[in-house]
Protein backbone atom coordinates (compact mmCIF):
# COMPACT_ATOMS: atom_id res chain seq x y z
CA UNK A 1 4.65 -6.99 17.12
CA UNK A 2 2.70 -5.26 14.40
CA UNK A 3 1.82 -5.79 10.87
CA UNK A 4 3.91 -5.41 7.63
CA UNK A 5 2.92 -5.15 3.93
CA UNK A 6 4.58 -7.77 1.83
CA UNK A 7 4.54 -8.58 -1.88
CA UNK A 8 6.14 -11.31 -3.83
CA UNK A 9 7.35 -10.75 -7.47
CA UNK A 10 9.78 -11.69 -10.17
CA UNK A 11 12.24 -9.01 -10.80
CA UNK A 12 12.81 -7.73 -14.31
CA UNK A 13 16.59 -8.19 -14.66
CA UNK A 14 18.98 -5.55 -15.89
CA UNK A 15 19.31 -3.81 -18.19
CA UNK A 16 15.45 -4.01 -18.76
CA UNK A 17 14.46 -3.29 -15.20
CA UNK A 18 16.17 0.11 -14.85
CA UNK A 19 15.13 1.10 -18.50
CA UNK A 20 11.47 0.40 -17.78
CA UNK A 21 11.68 2.12 -14.44
CA UNK A 22 13.29 5.24 -16.02
CA UNK A 23 10.45 5.28 -18.57
CA UNK A 24 7.81 4.93 -16.06
CA UNK A 25 9.35 7.89 -14.03
CA UNK A 26 9.48 9.80 -17.40
CA UNK A 27 5.76 9.26 -18.04
CA UNK A 28 5.21 11.07 -14.65
CA UNK A 29 4.57 8.18 -12.35
CA UNK A 30 6.07 9.67 -9.10
CA UNK A 31 5.83 6.48 -7.20
CA UNK A 32 7.81 4.50 -9.79
CA UNK A 33 11.19 5.37 -8.26
CA UNK A 34 10.34 3.31 -5.16
CA UNK A 35 9.01 0.32 -7.00
CA UNK A 36 11.44 -2.10 -8.53
CA UNK A 37 10.44 -3.30 -12.11
CA UNK A 38 8.66 -6.58 -11.68
CA UNK A 39 5.94 -9.07 -12.44
CA UNK A 40 3.74 -9.48 -9.50
CA UNK A 41 3.08 -12.94 -7.96
CA UNK A 42 1.41 -11.66 -4.63
CA UNK A 43 0.06 -8.14 -4.51
CA UNK A 44 0.63 -5.97 -1.48
CA UNK A 45 -0.68 -7.95 1.44
CA UNK A 46 -0.83 -6.96 5.08
CA UNK A 47 0.45 -9.82 7.45
CA UNK A 48 1.47 -10.09 11.03
CA UNK A 49 5.12 -9.44 11.39
CA UNK A 50 5.36 -12.63 13.61
CA UNK A 51 4.30 -14.57 10.56
CA UNK A 52 7.38 -13.84 8.55
CA UNK A 53 9.28 -17.03 9.32
CA UNK A 54 6.27 -19.26 8.28
CA UNK A 55 5.89 -17.08 5.21
CA UNK A 56 9.59 -17.50 4.25
CA UNK A 57 9.36 -21.23 4.76
CA UNK A 58 6.33 -21.35 2.59
CA UNK A 59 8.00 -19.44 -0.22
CA UNK A 60 11.24 -21.48 0.06
CA UNK A 61 9.14 -24.67 -0.37
CA UNK A 62 7.54 -23.23 -3.43
CA UNK A 63 10.85 -22.15 -4.97
CA UNK A 64 12.26 -25.66 -4.30
CA UNK A 65 9.52 -27.26 -6.13
CA UNK A 66 9.76 -24.96 -9.21
CA UNK A 67 12.29 -24.97 -12.11
CA UNK A 68 13.68 -22.01 -14.29
CA UNK A 69 11.31 -20.96 -17.06
CA UNK A 70 11.66 -18.63 -20.14
CA UNK A 71 9.95 -15.15 -19.80
CA UNK A 72 9.28 -12.87 -22.72
CA UNK A 73 7.73 -9.39 -22.61
CA UNK A 74 6.23 -7.82 -25.81
CA UNK A 75 3.95 -4.89 -26.38
CA UNK A 76 1.56 -3.02 -24.17
CA UNK A 77 -1.86 -3.32 -22.79
CA UNK A 78 -4.14 -1.51 -20.29
CA UNK A 79 -6.52 -2.26 -17.46
CA UNK A 80 -8.44 1.00 -18.16
CA UNK A 81 -11.21 1.86 -17.51
CA UNK A 82 -11.36 -0.66 -14.45
CA UNK A 83 -7.93 0.39 -13.24
CA UNK A 84 -5.63 3.26 -14.34
CA UNK A 85 -2.83 1.06 -15.39
CA UNK A 86 -0.67 0.66 -18.60
CA UNK A 87 1.64 -2.43 -18.73
CA UNK A 88 4.06 -4.30 -20.83
CA UNK A 89 2.53 -7.67 -21.67
CA UNK A 90 4.03 -11.01 -20.58
CA UNK A 91 3.73 -13.27 -23.74
CA UNK A 92 5.81 -16.12 -22.51
CA UNK A 93 5.91 -17.55 -18.93
CA UNK A 94 2.37 -16.81 -18.20
CA UNK A 95 1.38 -20.31 -17.09
CA UNK A 96 4.42 -20.68 -14.95
CA UNK A 97 3.57 -17.27 -13.28
CA UNK A 98 0.00 -18.61 -12.75
CA UNK A 99 1.29 -21.78 -11.11
CA UNK A 100 3.54 -19.77 -8.76
CA UNK A 101 0.97 -17.32 -7.75
CA UNK A 102 -1.58 -20.03 -7.04
CA UNK A 103 0.87 -21.89 -4.69
CA UNK A 104 1.92 -18.58 -2.96
CA UNK A 105 -1.76 -17.82 -2.16
CA UNK A 106 -2.99 -21.43 -1.61
CA UNK A 107 -5.81 -21.95 0.85
CA UNK A 108 -4.55 -22.78 4.34
CA UNK A 109 -1.11 -21.22 3.71
CA UNK A 110 0.32 -18.16 5.47
CA UNK A 111 -0.38 -15.96 2.38
CA UNK A 112 -3.89 -17.21 1.55
CA UNK A 113 -6.05 -14.40 0.04
CA UNK A 114 -8.52 -13.76 -2.69
CA UNK A 115 -7.73 -11.27 -5.49
CA UNK A 116 -9.91 -8.37 -6.50
CA UNK A 117 -9.28 -9.08 -10.24
CA UNK A 118 -8.34 -12.36 -12.09
CA UNK A 119 -4.64 -12.83 -12.12
CA UNK A 120 -2.90 -11.45 -15.28
CA UNK A 121 1.04 -11.29 -15.12
CA UNK A 122 2.26 -7.94 -16.45
CA UNK A 123 4.89 -5.25 -15.91
CA UNK A 124 3.30 -1.97 -14.83
CA UNK A 125 4.75 1.09 -16.75
CA UNK A 126 2.28 3.70 -15.83
CA UNK A 127 -0.23 3.94 -12.98
CA UNK A 128 -2.51 6.51 -11.78
CA UNK A 129 -1.28 9.31 -14.14
CA UNK A 130 -3.12 11.48 -16.47
CA UNK A 131 -4.95 9.77 -19.42
CA UNK A 132 -2.71 11.51 -21.92
CA UNK A 133 0.44 10.28 -20.24
CA UNK A 134 -0.99 6.68 -20.05
CA UNK A 135 -1.79 6.99 -23.73
CA UNK A 136 1.84 8.07 -24.40
CA UNK A 137 3.18 5.17 -22.31
CA UNK A 138 0.94 2.63 -24.23
CA UNK A 139 2.08 3.94 -27.67
CA UNK A 140 5.82 4.56 -26.97
CA UNK A 141 6.27 1.06 -25.43
CA UNK A 142 4.04 -0.81 -27.93
CA UNK A 143 7.04 -2.49 -29.63
CA UNK A 144 8.98 -3.02 -26.44
CA UNK A 145 10.42 -6.49 -26.19
CA UNK A 146 12.71 -8.35 -23.53
CA UNK A 147 13.40 -11.88 -22.83
CA UNK A 148 15.29 -13.86 -20.01
CA UNK A 149 15.27 -17.00 -18.01
CA UNK A 150 13.31 -16.63 -14.73
CA UNK A 151 15.52 -18.26 -11.84
CA UNK A 152 13.41 -17.37 -8.90
CA UNK A 153 11.30 -14.87 -7.23
CA UNK A 154 11.65 -12.31 -4.22
CA UNK A 155 9.79 -11.20 -1.11
CA UNK A 156 9.57 -7.39 -0.70
CA UNK A 157 8.28 -5.26 2.13
CA UNK A 158 6.72 -1.86 1.77
CA UNK A 159 8.37 0.87 3.74
CA UNK A 160 6.86 3.99 5.48
CA UNK A 161 7.35 6.13 2.42
CA UNK A 162 5.72 3.65 0.10
CA UNK A 163 8.98 2.32 -1.36
CA UNK A 164 9.56 -1.37 -1.70
CA UNK A 165 12.62 -2.97 -0.47
CA UNK A 166 14.00 -6.49 -1.09
CA UNK A 167 13.76 -8.78 1.98
CA UNK A 168 14.76 -12.11 0.49
CA UNK A 169 15.31 -13.92 -2.86
CA UNK A 170 14.17 -17.51 -3.49
CA UNK A 171 16.08 -19.29 -6.22
CA UNK A 172 14.63 -22.22 -8.27
CA UNK A 173 16.62 -25.39 -8.32
CA UNK A 174 17.35 -26.95 -11.88
CA UNK A 175 16.38 -30.11 -10.18
CA UNK A 176 13.45 -29.38 -7.86
CA UNK A 177 12.38 -31.64 -5.13
CA UNK A 178 9.03 -33.18 -5.36
CA UNK A 179 6.40 -31.27 -3.43
CA UNK A 180 3.16 -32.80 -2.38
CA UNK A 181 0.29 -30.95 -4.20
CA UNK A 182 -2.25 -29.20 -1.96
CA UNK A 183 -5.97 -30.02 -2.23
CA UNK A 184 -6.39 -26.76 -4.15
CA UNK A 185 -3.67 -27.33 -6.67
CA UNK A 186 -4.94 -27.47 -10.24
CA UNK A 187 -1.80 -29.06 -11.69
CA UNK A 188 0.85 -31.35 -9.94
CA UNK A 189 3.92 -29.87 -8.63
CA UNK A 190 7.05 -30.44 -10.92
CA UNK A 191 8.81 -33.75 -10.23
CA UNK A 192 12.46 -34.03 -9.35
CA UNK A 193 14.66 -35.00 -12.37
């Protein structure tokens, strides 16, 4: 068996997801049509294909220990000049996203890894396009707003053409089971109601 490139994210639901994806394509981001609109919890990560069952068990345990939370997007930001990215900001749900991504990447787990930059939840709306087009994206979406309740996250796999496809969804329980915190956990896992 070989390797696969996986990512874990929170999908931006309809109608918001397809609207933002159309805008991203319209700004000239050619890769956007193969990237579902999302908030990243685990960036593209190469793993052994044989590790997929352990990875899915790991993610299922995290989802079982989490509960639904509100998410709200508002306004834009950029990572320029460090990275050619314009994004819609996550203004509510930041700490819940942080908790999830830490559990997903926890030391000793099947997806343990360091990040190249500090974790910052966001929705990319332009990446690697001209500066003028990124300026347009940042300006035109400056008042963009969307809100919903996050009920889970999903595992995606990158295909040969660079497009991402859904592999499995992991739904939160309204009454999560207690999960024993790892040694690296900064906050205790939610307790069952």
